Each structure stands twice: as C-alpha cells, then as structure tokens.
N, C-alpha and C. Protein backbone atom coordinates (compact mmCIF):
# COMPACT_ATOMS: atom_id res chain seq x y z
N UNK A 1 32.04 2.30 -0.20
CA UNK A 1 31.80 3.71 0.09
C UNK A 1 30.45 3.86 0.78
N UNK A 2 30.39 4.70 1.78
CA UNK A 2 29.17 4.93 2.53
C UNK A 2 28.22 5.82 1.73
N UNK A 3 26.96 5.42 1.71
CA UNK A 3 25.96 6.22 0.99
C UNK A 3 25.63 7.48 1.78
N UNK A 4 25.21 8.51 1.06
CA UNK A 4 24.74 9.73 1.69
C UNK A 4 23.48 9.42 2.49
N UNK A 5 23.41 9.95 3.71
CA UNK A 5 22.23 9.80 4.54
C UNK A 5 21.36 11.03 4.34
N UNK A 6 20.15 10.82 3.86
CA UNK A 6 19.21 11.92 3.62
C UNK A 6 18.17 11.88 4.73
N UNK A 7 18.11 12.93 5.52
CA UNK A 7 17.16 13.04 6.63
C UNK A 7 15.99 13.90 6.18
N UNK A 8 14.79 13.31 6.18
CA UNK A 8 13.62 13.99 5.63
C UNK A 8 12.58 14.22 6.71
N UNK A 9 12.17 15.47 6.87
CA UNK A 9 11.08 15.85 7.76
C UNK A 9 9.78 15.50 7.05
N UNK A 10 9.32 14.27 7.23
CA UNK A 10 8.17 13.75 6.49
C UNK A 10 6.89 14.54 6.69
N UNK A 11 6.64 14.94 7.93
CA UNK A 11 5.43 15.71 8.21
C UNK A 11 5.48 17.05 7.48
N UNK A 12 6.65 17.67 7.50
CA UNK A 12 6.83 18.95 6.83
C UNK A 12 6.60 18.82 5.33
N UNK A 13 7.09 17.74 4.72
CA UNK A 13 6.91 17.53 3.28
C UNK A 13 5.45 17.20 2.98
N UNK A 14 4.87 16.24 3.73
CA UNK A 14 3.51 15.77 3.45
C UNK A 14 2.47 16.87 3.58
N UNK A 15 2.70 17.81 4.47
CA UNK A 15 1.73 18.88 4.69
C UNK A 15 2.01 20.12 3.85
N UNK A 16 3.07 20.07 3.07
CA UNK A 16 3.44 21.26 2.29
C UNK A 16 2.49 21.46 1.12
N UNK A 17 2.35 22.70 0.75
CA UNK A 17 1.54 23.02 -0.42
C UNK A 17 2.10 22.38 -1.68
N UNK A 18 3.43 22.27 -1.76
CA UNK A 18 4.07 21.69 -2.94
C UNK A 18 3.66 20.22 -3.11
N UNK A 19 3.67 19.42 -2.02
CA UNK A 19 3.29 18.01 -2.12
C UNK A 19 1.80 17.88 -2.38
N UNK A 20 1.00 18.73 -1.75
CA UNK A 20 -0.45 18.67 -1.98
C UNK A 20 -0.78 19.02 -3.43
N UNK A 21 -0.06 19.97 -4.01
CA UNK A 21 -0.29 20.32 -5.41
C UNK A 21 0.19 19.22 -6.34
N UNK A 22 1.25 18.50 -5.93
CA UNK A 22 1.77 17.41 -6.75
C UNK A 22 0.82 16.21 -6.73
N UNK A 23 0.00 16.09 -5.69
CA UNK A 23 -0.93 14.97 -5.54
C UNK A 23 -2.33 15.47 -5.21
N UNK A 24 -2.93 16.32 -6.08
CA UNK A 24 -4.24 16.88 -5.77
C UNK A 24 -5.38 15.86 -5.83
N UNK A 25 -5.11 14.71 -6.46
CA UNK A 25 -6.15 13.71 -6.67
C UNK A 25 -6.33 12.75 -5.51
N UNK A 26 -5.54 12.89 -4.45
CA UNK A 26 -5.63 11.94 -3.34
C UNK A 26 -5.87 12.66 -2.01
N UNK A 27 -6.47 11.93 -1.07
CA UNK A 27 -6.72 12.47 0.26
C UNK A 27 -5.45 12.48 1.11
N UNK A 28 -5.58 13.03 2.31
CA UNK A 28 -4.42 13.20 3.18
C UNK A 28 -3.74 11.88 3.53
N UNK A 29 -4.51 10.84 3.87
CA UNK A 29 -3.92 9.56 4.25
C UNK A 29 -3.15 8.96 3.07
N UNK A 30 -3.74 8.99 1.88
CA UNK A 30 -3.05 8.48 0.70
C UNK A 30 -1.83 9.32 0.37
N UNK A 31 -1.91 10.61 0.64
CA UNK A 31 -0.78 11.48 0.35
C UNK A 31 0.45 11.08 1.16
N UNK A 32 0.24 10.67 2.43
CA UNK A 32 1.35 10.22 3.27
C UNK A 32 1.93 8.92 2.71
N UNK A 33 1.06 7.99 2.31
CA UNK A 33 1.52 6.71 1.75
C UNK A 33 2.26 6.92 0.43
N UNK A 34 1.73 7.79 -0.41
CA UNK A 34 2.39 8.06 -1.69
C UNK A 34 3.72 8.76 -1.49
N UNK A 35 3.81 9.59 -0.46
CA UNK A 35 5.09 10.23 -0.16
C UNK A 35 6.12 9.16 0.20
N UNK A 36 5.73 8.22 1.05
CA UNK A 36 6.66 7.15 1.42
C UNK A 36 7.12 6.38 0.18
N UNK A 37 6.19 6.06 -0.70
CA UNK A 37 6.54 5.33 -1.92
C UNK A 37 7.46 6.15 -2.82
N UNK A 38 7.15 7.43 -2.97
CA UNK A 38 7.96 8.28 -3.84
C UNK A 38 9.37 8.45 -3.28
N UNK A 39 9.49 8.63 -1.96
CA UNK A 39 10.81 8.79 -1.35
C UNK A 39 11.59 7.49 -1.46
N UNK A 40 10.95 6.34 -1.26
CA UNK A 40 11.64 5.05 -1.37
C UNK A 40 12.19 4.86 -2.79
N UNK A 41 11.37 5.18 -3.77
CA UNK A 41 11.80 5.05 -5.17
C UNK A 41 12.95 6.00 -5.48
N UNK A 42 12.81 7.25 -5.07
CA UNK A 42 13.86 8.23 -5.31
C UNK A 42 15.16 7.83 -4.63
N UNK A 43 15.06 7.42 -3.37
CA UNK A 43 16.24 7.06 -2.60
C UNK A 43 16.97 5.86 -3.20
N UNK A 44 16.20 4.84 -3.59
CA UNK A 44 16.80 3.66 -4.20
C UNK A 44 17.45 4.02 -5.53
N UNK A 45 16.77 4.82 -6.33
CA UNK A 45 17.31 5.21 -7.63
C UNK A 45 18.55 6.08 -7.53
N UNK A 46 18.60 6.91 -6.50
CA UNK A 46 19.74 7.82 -6.32
C UNK A 46 20.89 7.16 -5.56
N UNK A 47 20.65 5.99 -4.97
CA UNK A 47 21.70 5.31 -4.22
C UNK A 47 21.94 5.88 -2.84
N UNK A 48 20.93 6.56 -2.29
CA UNK A 48 21.05 7.14 -0.95
C UNK A 48 20.42 6.23 0.09
N UNK A 49 20.71 6.52 1.34
CA UNK A 49 20.00 5.92 2.46
C UNK A 49 19.17 7.05 3.06
N UNK A 50 17.88 6.84 3.21
CA UNK A 50 16.99 7.92 3.66
C UNK A 50 16.29 7.54 4.95
N UNK A 51 16.24 8.49 5.87
CA UNK A 51 15.45 8.37 7.09
C UNK A 51 14.31 9.36 6.96
N UNK A 52 13.09 8.84 6.85
CA UNK A 52 11.88 9.64 6.70
C UNK A 52 11.18 9.65 8.05
N UNK A 53 11.07 10.82 8.67
CA UNK A 53 10.54 10.93 10.03
C UNK A 53 9.24 11.71 10.03
N UNK A 54 8.21 11.10 10.65
CA UNK A 54 6.92 11.75 10.83
C UNK A 54 6.68 12.01 12.30
N UNK A 55 5.95 13.07 12.60
CA UNK A 55 5.56 13.34 13.99
C UNK A 55 4.58 12.27 14.45
N UNK A 56 4.70 11.86 15.72
CA UNK A 56 3.75 10.94 16.32
C UNK A 56 4.17 9.48 16.24
N UNK A 57 3.21 8.62 16.57
CA UNK A 57 3.46 7.18 16.61
C UNK A 57 3.21 6.60 15.22
N UNK A 58 4.12 5.76 14.80
CA UNK A 58 4.04 5.15 13.48
C UNK A 58 4.79 3.83 13.52
N UNK A 59 4.26 2.84 12.84
CA UNK A 59 4.96 1.57 12.74
C UNK A 59 6.19 1.77 11.86
N UNK A 60 7.35 1.38 12.37
CA UNK A 60 8.58 1.55 11.61
C UNK A 60 8.59 0.64 10.39
N UNK A 61 9.04 1.19 9.28
CA UNK A 61 9.20 0.43 8.03
C UNK A 61 10.65 0.56 7.59
N UNK A 62 11.23 -0.54 7.17
CA UNK A 62 12.61 -0.52 6.68
C UNK A 62 12.68 -1.16 5.31
N UNK A 63 13.52 -0.60 4.48
CA UNK A 63 13.88 -1.20 3.20
C UNK A 63 15.36 -0.90 3.02
N UNK A 64 15.99 -1.47 2.02
CA UNK A 64 17.42 -1.19 1.84
C UNK A 64 17.74 0.30 1.66
N UNK A 65 16.83 1.04 1.06
CA UNK A 65 17.11 2.44 0.77
C UNK A 65 16.48 3.42 1.75
N UNK A 66 15.52 2.97 2.56
CA UNK A 66 14.78 3.93 3.38
C UNK A 66 14.26 3.29 4.66
N UNK A 67 14.27 4.11 5.71
CA UNK A 67 13.63 3.75 6.96
C UNK A 67 12.61 4.84 7.26
N UNK A 68 11.39 4.42 7.61
CA UNK A 68 10.32 5.35 7.97
C UNK A 68 10.04 5.15 9.45
N UNK A 69 10.09 6.24 10.22
CA UNK A 69 9.82 6.15 11.66
C UNK A 69 8.89 7.27 12.09
N UNK A 70 8.21 7.03 13.20
CA UNK A 70 7.45 8.07 13.87
C UNK A 70 8.30 8.58 15.02
N UNK A 71 8.05 9.79 15.43
CA UNK A 71 8.87 10.40 16.48
C UNK A 71 8.45 9.98 17.89
N UNK A 72 7.31 9.28 18.00
CA UNK A 72 6.84 8.86 19.32
C UNK A 72 6.46 10.06 20.15
N UNK A 73 6.97 10.11 21.37
CA UNK A 73 6.63 11.22 22.26
C UNK A 73 7.56 12.42 22.08
N UNK A 74 8.51 12.31 21.16
CA UNK A 74 9.39 13.43 20.83
C UNK A 74 8.88 14.10 19.56
N UNK A 75 9.46 15.20 19.20
CA UNK A 75 9.11 15.83 17.92
C UNK A 75 9.97 15.23 16.82
N UNK A 76 9.47 15.29 15.61
CA UNK A 76 10.26 14.83 14.46
C UNK A 76 11.55 15.64 14.36
N UNK A 77 11.47 16.92 14.72
CA UNK A 77 12.66 17.78 14.70
C UNK A 77 13.76 17.20 15.60
N UNK A 78 13.38 16.77 16.81
CA UNK A 78 14.35 16.19 17.75
C UNK A 78 14.97 14.92 17.19
N UNK A 79 14.15 14.08 16.57
CA UNK A 79 14.65 12.83 15.98
C UNK A 79 15.64 13.13 14.85
N UNK A 80 15.29 14.08 14.00
CA UNK A 80 16.18 14.46 12.89
C UNK A 80 17.50 15.04 13.41
N UNK A 81 17.41 15.89 14.43
CA UNK A 81 18.62 16.48 14.99
C UNK A 81 19.52 15.41 15.61
N UNK A 82 18.92 14.43 16.32
CA UNK A 82 19.69 13.33 16.90
C UNK A 82 20.33 12.46 15.84
N UNK A 83 19.57 12.16 14.77
CA UNK A 83 20.10 11.34 13.68
C UNK A 83 21.25 12.06 12.98
N UNK A 84 21.12 13.36 12.80
CA UNK A 84 22.19 14.14 12.17
C UNK A 84 23.45 14.10 13.03
N UNK A 85 23.30 14.29 14.33
CA UNK A 85 24.45 14.26 15.23
C UNK A 85 25.13 12.89 15.21
N UNK A 86 24.34 11.83 15.23
CA UNK A 86 24.91 10.47 15.17
C UNK A 86 25.67 10.26 13.87
N UNK A 87 25.10 10.70 12.77
CA UNK A 87 25.74 10.53 11.47
C UNK A 87 27.06 11.31 11.40
N UNK A 88 27.07 12.51 11.93
CA UNK A 88 28.30 13.31 11.90
C UNK A 88 29.40 12.64 12.72
N UNK A 89 29.02 12.08 13.88
CA UNK A 89 30.00 11.38 14.71
C UNK A 89 30.61 10.20 13.96
N UNK A 90 29.82 9.60 13.06
CA UNK A 90 30.29 8.46 12.27
C UNK A 90 31.02 8.92 10.99
N UNK A 91 31.09 10.22 10.78
CA UNK A 91 31.77 10.75 9.61
C UNK A 91 30.96 10.61 8.32
N UNK A 92 29.66 10.49 8.44
CA UNK A 92 28.80 10.30 7.26
C UNK A 92 28.46 11.63 6.61
N UNK A 93 28.21 11.56 5.31
CA UNK A 93 27.70 12.72 4.57
C UNK A 93 26.20 12.78 4.79
N UNK A 94 25.70 13.96 5.14
CA UNK A 94 24.29 14.13 5.48
C UNK A 94 23.66 15.22 4.64
N UNK A 95 22.45 14.94 4.16
CA UNK A 95 21.59 15.95 3.56
C UNK A 95 20.37 16.07 4.46
N UNK A 96 19.82 17.26 4.59
CA UNK A 96 18.63 17.49 5.40
C UNK A 96 17.55 18.10 4.53
N UNK A 97 16.34 17.52 4.61
CA UNK A 97 15.20 18.01 3.83
C UNK A 97 14.15 18.54 4.80
N UNK A 98 13.96 19.85 4.81
CA UNK A 98 12.93 20.49 5.63
C UNK A 98 12.86 21.96 5.26
N UNK A 99 11.68 22.54 5.42
CA UNK A 99 11.54 23.98 5.27
C UNK A 99 11.43 24.64 6.64
N UNK A 100 11.51 23.84 7.68
CA UNK A 100 11.47 24.32 9.06
C UNK A 100 12.84 24.94 9.38
N UNK A 101 12.84 26.21 9.66
CA UNK A 101 14.09 26.95 9.88
C UNK A 101 14.92 26.35 11.02
N UNK A 102 14.26 25.92 12.09
CA UNK A 102 14.98 25.34 13.23
C UNK A 102 15.68 24.05 12.82
N UNK A 103 15.01 23.21 12.05
CA UNK A 103 15.62 21.96 11.58
C UNK A 103 16.78 22.27 10.66
N UNK A 104 16.61 23.23 9.76
CA UNK A 104 17.69 23.62 8.86
C UNK A 104 18.90 24.10 9.65
N UNK A 105 18.66 24.90 10.69
CA UNK A 105 19.75 25.47 11.47
C UNK A 105 20.47 24.44 12.34
N UNK A 106 19.70 23.54 12.98
CA UNK A 106 20.31 22.59 13.91
C UNK A 106 20.76 21.32 13.19
N UNK A 107 19.82 20.60 12.57
CA UNK A 107 20.17 19.34 11.89
C UNK A 107 21.02 19.63 10.65
N UNK A 108 20.79 20.75 10.02
CA UNK A 108 21.52 21.08 8.81
C UNK A 108 22.81 21.84 9.04
N UNK A 109 23.18 22.06 10.30
CA UNK A 109 24.35 22.88 10.62
C UNK A 109 25.62 22.39 9.92
N UNK A 110 25.83 21.09 9.90
CA UNK A 110 27.03 20.54 9.25
C UNK A 110 26.66 19.66 8.06
N UNK A 111 25.44 19.80 7.58
CA UNK A 111 25.00 19.00 6.44
C UNK A 111 25.71 19.45 5.17
N UNK A 112 25.99 18.50 4.30
CA UNK A 112 26.57 18.85 3.01
C UNK A 112 25.57 19.64 2.18
N UNK A 113 24.29 19.30 2.37
CA UNK A 113 23.24 19.96 1.60
C UNK A 113 21.97 20.08 2.43
N UNK A 114 21.34 21.25 2.41
CA UNK A 114 20.03 21.46 3.02
C UNK A 114 19.07 21.73 1.86
N UNK A 115 18.01 20.92 1.81
CA UNK A 115 17.06 20.99 0.69
C UNK A 115 15.71 21.46 1.20
N UNK A 116 15.19 22.52 0.61
CA UNK A 116 13.85 23.01 0.94
C UNK A 116 12.82 22.01 0.45
N UNK A 117 11.67 21.98 1.10
CA UNK A 117 10.61 21.03 0.76
C UNK A 117 10.17 21.17 -0.69
N UNK A 118 9.97 22.40 -1.17
CA UNK A 118 9.49 22.56 -2.55
C UNK A 118 10.51 22.02 -3.55
N UNK A 119 11.79 22.19 -3.26
CA UNK A 119 12.83 21.64 -4.13
C UNK A 119 12.81 20.11 -4.10
N UNK A 120 12.64 19.54 -2.89
CA UNK A 120 12.61 18.08 -2.75
C UNK A 120 11.40 17.49 -3.46
N UNK A 121 10.25 18.13 -3.32
CA UNK A 121 9.05 17.64 -4.03
C UNK A 121 9.31 17.66 -5.53
N UNK A 122 9.99 18.69 -6.00
CA UNK A 122 10.36 18.74 -7.41
C UNK A 122 11.25 17.57 -7.81
N UNK A 123 12.15 17.17 -6.91
CA UNK A 123 13.02 16.03 -7.18
C UNK A 123 12.19 14.74 -7.24
N UNK A 124 11.17 14.63 -6.39
CA UNK A 124 10.35 13.43 -6.34
C UNK A 124 9.38 13.34 -7.51
N UNK A 125 8.98 14.46 -8.05
CA UNK A 125 7.95 14.47 -9.08
C UNK A 125 8.50 14.79 -10.46
N UNK A 126 9.80 14.75 -10.60
CA UNK A 126 10.43 15.00 -11.90
C UNK A 126 10.32 13.75 -12.76
N UNK A 127 10.06 13.97 -14.00
CA UNK A 127 9.96 12.85 -14.93
C UNK A 127 11.32 12.17 -15.06
N UNK A 128 11.33 10.86 -14.93
CA UNK A 128 12.56 10.08 -15.07
C UNK A 128 12.95 10.05 -16.54
N UNK A 129 14.20 10.40 -16.88
CA UNK A 129 14.57 10.49 -18.29
C UNK A 129 14.46 9.16 -19.04
N UNK A 130 14.71 8.04 -18.38
CA UNK A 130 14.70 6.75 -19.08
C UNK A 130 13.29 6.23 -19.30
N UNK A 131 12.39 6.47 -18.32
CA UNK A 131 11.06 5.87 -18.41
C UNK A 131 9.98 6.86 -18.81
N UNK A 132 10.25 8.17 -18.62
CA UNK A 132 9.24 9.16 -18.92
C UNK A 132 8.12 9.21 -17.90
N UNK A 133 8.30 8.53 -16.76
CA UNK A 133 7.27 8.52 -15.73
C UNK A 133 7.76 9.35 -14.54
N UNK A 134 6.82 9.75 -13.70
CA UNK A 134 7.19 10.48 -12.50
C UNK A 134 7.79 9.53 -11.50
N UNK A 135 8.79 10.01 -10.75
CA UNK A 135 9.35 9.19 -9.69
C UNK A 135 8.25 8.84 -8.71
N UNK A 136 8.25 7.60 -8.24
CA UNK A 136 7.26 7.17 -7.27
C UNK A 136 5.97 6.66 -7.88
N UNK A 137 5.82 6.77 -9.18
CA UNK A 137 4.63 6.25 -9.85
C UNK A 137 4.88 4.80 -10.22
N UNK A 138 3.82 3.99 -10.32
CA UNK A 138 4.01 2.59 -10.68
C UNK A 138 4.68 2.45 -12.04
N UNK A 139 5.50 1.42 -12.16
CA UNK A 139 6.19 1.16 -13.41
C UNK A 139 5.21 0.54 -14.40
N UNK A 140 5.13 1.08 -15.60
CA UNK A 140 4.25 0.47 -16.61
C UNK A 140 4.82 -0.87 -17.05
N UNK A 141 3.98 -1.73 -17.60
CA UNK A 141 4.47 -3.04 -18.04
C UNK A 141 5.53 -2.89 -19.13
N UNK A 142 6.61 -3.70 -19.02
CA UNK A 142 7.69 -3.64 -20.00
C UNK A 142 7.76 -4.92 -20.83
N UNK A 143 6.90 -5.86 -20.54
CA UNK A 143 6.96 -7.12 -21.25
C UNK A 143 5.54 -7.58 -21.54
N UNK A 144 5.46 -8.65 -22.32
CA UNK A 144 4.15 -9.21 -22.62
C UNK A 144 3.48 -9.65 -21.31
N UNK A 145 4.24 -10.31 -20.45
CA UNK A 145 3.68 -10.74 -19.16
C UNK A 145 3.21 -9.53 -18.36
N UNK A 146 4.02 -8.45 -18.34
CA UNK A 146 3.65 -7.26 -17.59
C UNK A 146 2.38 -6.62 -18.09
N UNK A 147 2.12 -6.74 -19.38
CA UNK A 147 0.91 -6.17 -19.95
C UNK A 147 -0.34 -6.86 -19.42
N UNK A 148 -0.20 -8.12 -18.98
CA UNK A 148 -1.35 -8.87 -18.48
C UNK A 148 -1.48 -8.79 -16.96
N UNK A 149 -0.47 -8.24 -16.29
CA UNK A 149 -0.52 -8.13 -14.83
C UNK A 149 -1.46 -6.99 -14.45
N UNK A 150 -2.22 -7.22 -13.39
CA UNK A 150 -3.13 -6.18 -12.90
C UNK A 150 -2.34 -5.05 -12.27
N UNK A 151 -2.97 -3.91 -12.06
CA UNK A 151 -2.33 -2.79 -11.38
C UNK A 151 -1.86 -3.21 -10.00
N UNK A 152 -2.66 -4.05 -9.31
CA UNK A 152 -2.29 -4.50 -7.97
C UNK A 152 -1.01 -5.35 -8.01
N UNK A 153 -0.92 -6.25 -8.97
CA UNK A 153 0.28 -7.09 -9.09
C UNK A 153 1.50 -6.23 -9.41
N UNK A 154 1.36 -5.28 -10.35
CA UNK A 154 2.48 -4.39 -10.66
C UNK A 154 2.87 -3.56 -9.45
N UNK A 155 1.89 -3.11 -8.68
CA UNK A 155 2.17 -2.34 -7.47
C UNK A 155 2.95 -3.19 -6.46
N UNK A 156 2.54 -4.43 -6.28
CA UNK A 156 3.25 -5.32 -5.34
C UNK A 156 4.67 -5.59 -5.82
N UNK A 157 4.85 -5.80 -7.12
CA UNK A 157 6.19 -6.01 -7.67
C UNK A 157 7.07 -4.78 -7.47
N UNK A 158 6.49 -3.60 -7.63
CA UNK A 158 7.24 -2.36 -7.41
C UNK A 158 7.66 -2.26 -5.95
N UNK A 159 6.78 -2.62 -5.03
CA UNK A 159 7.13 -2.60 -3.60
C UNK A 159 8.30 -3.55 -3.34
N UNK A 160 8.25 -4.74 -3.94
CA UNK A 160 9.32 -5.72 -3.76
C UNK A 160 10.63 -5.20 -4.35
N UNK A 161 10.55 -4.51 -5.50
CA UNK A 161 11.75 -3.95 -6.11
C UNK A 161 12.43 -2.97 -5.16
N UNK A 162 11.62 -2.26 -4.40
CA UNK A 162 12.15 -1.26 -3.46
C UNK A 162 12.59 -1.88 -2.14
N UNK A 163 12.37 -3.20 -1.98
CA UNK A 163 12.75 -3.86 -0.74
C UNK A 163 11.71 -3.74 0.35
N UNK A 164 10.48 -3.35 -0.01
CA UNK A 164 9.41 -3.20 0.96
C UNK A 164 8.57 -4.47 0.99
N UNK A 165 7.94 -4.77 2.12
CA UNK A 165 7.08 -5.96 2.18
C UNK A 165 5.79 -5.71 1.38
N UNK A 166 5.17 -6.79 0.89
CA UNK A 166 3.89 -6.62 0.20
C UNK A 166 2.86 -5.99 1.14
N UNK A 167 1.96 -5.21 0.57
CA UNK A 167 0.96 -4.55 1.43
C UNK A 167 -0.28 -5.40 1.56
C-alpha cells in the first residue's frame, strides 16, 4: 500500500508563532534544524512519506520517511503545488500542511486533508503516549548501555533510527 504523501510548507511552519512558541529556547537556525528532526520523527512514526520544502537554496536531505528540499529560484509554494499535481497524477493520497491560503487553495485543492500550521505544530509537539516525550525530542536511554551514552551519541543514534546520516 502506498503511504500518504504529506507536503509541508517548511518556511511557513518554521516562521509561525506556534513553532516559535513550541521552541522558545532556541534561535532561528536551530529552530529550522529542530523542525526537520521533529517532522522526520513524526513522519516515520506515523508511517507517512513527507516532503518538507523551504524557500531558497538548501542541500537536499533524504531519509526513508522524509525528503527536505529548498525551492531554489522558485517559491516553496510552486514546489508544493507541483509535487501535489505529480502525486495526484500517480493516484496518491496527499495531505498539505500550510497556513498560506494560496497553498491551501491550489496544492490542497484535491488533498485528502489540509492541515493548518498551528494544528501541525500541535501534532509535532504532542507527548507520545508510549514514551511520555515530545515528538522530535531525543529518546531517553532505555537500557544500562543507553544510560552511559552521551547526549551526542544518543542524538546520532536517533538520527540513524530515522534513516538520516550522522551529523
């Protein structure tokens, strides 16, 4: 069965008041990185395939659950609209995440679900029922060995769990 494709307006989410309030302890650059980590964790846990698009030039990152791209010389809106059209032609189920009305109207026109940014941030920052931790936060040690691992080692292991390369 084909996974749901979730198209996320990354710039719209990262700059939203909801995401800034969810991460008041970090600066803007870290907020973008933490957003990528939180979306990767959420996407993998939910079994979705996610395309996270930011305005501008960005090195593409791929993992089994998520692809992060920059829009280059186009707008992120154009990239999302093109990805939505391609997915529809393939008969895929699409969700669109943006509070931008134009993106909701065009990319979300045939989407199964259109999710506002504040709702999506709530999905990313909701406490996981099994672990009691926020989605996208590092996993606490679960074993004796894990208790001795540094935060950096646990962070690298979490990246590997998500299919991302070590940083």
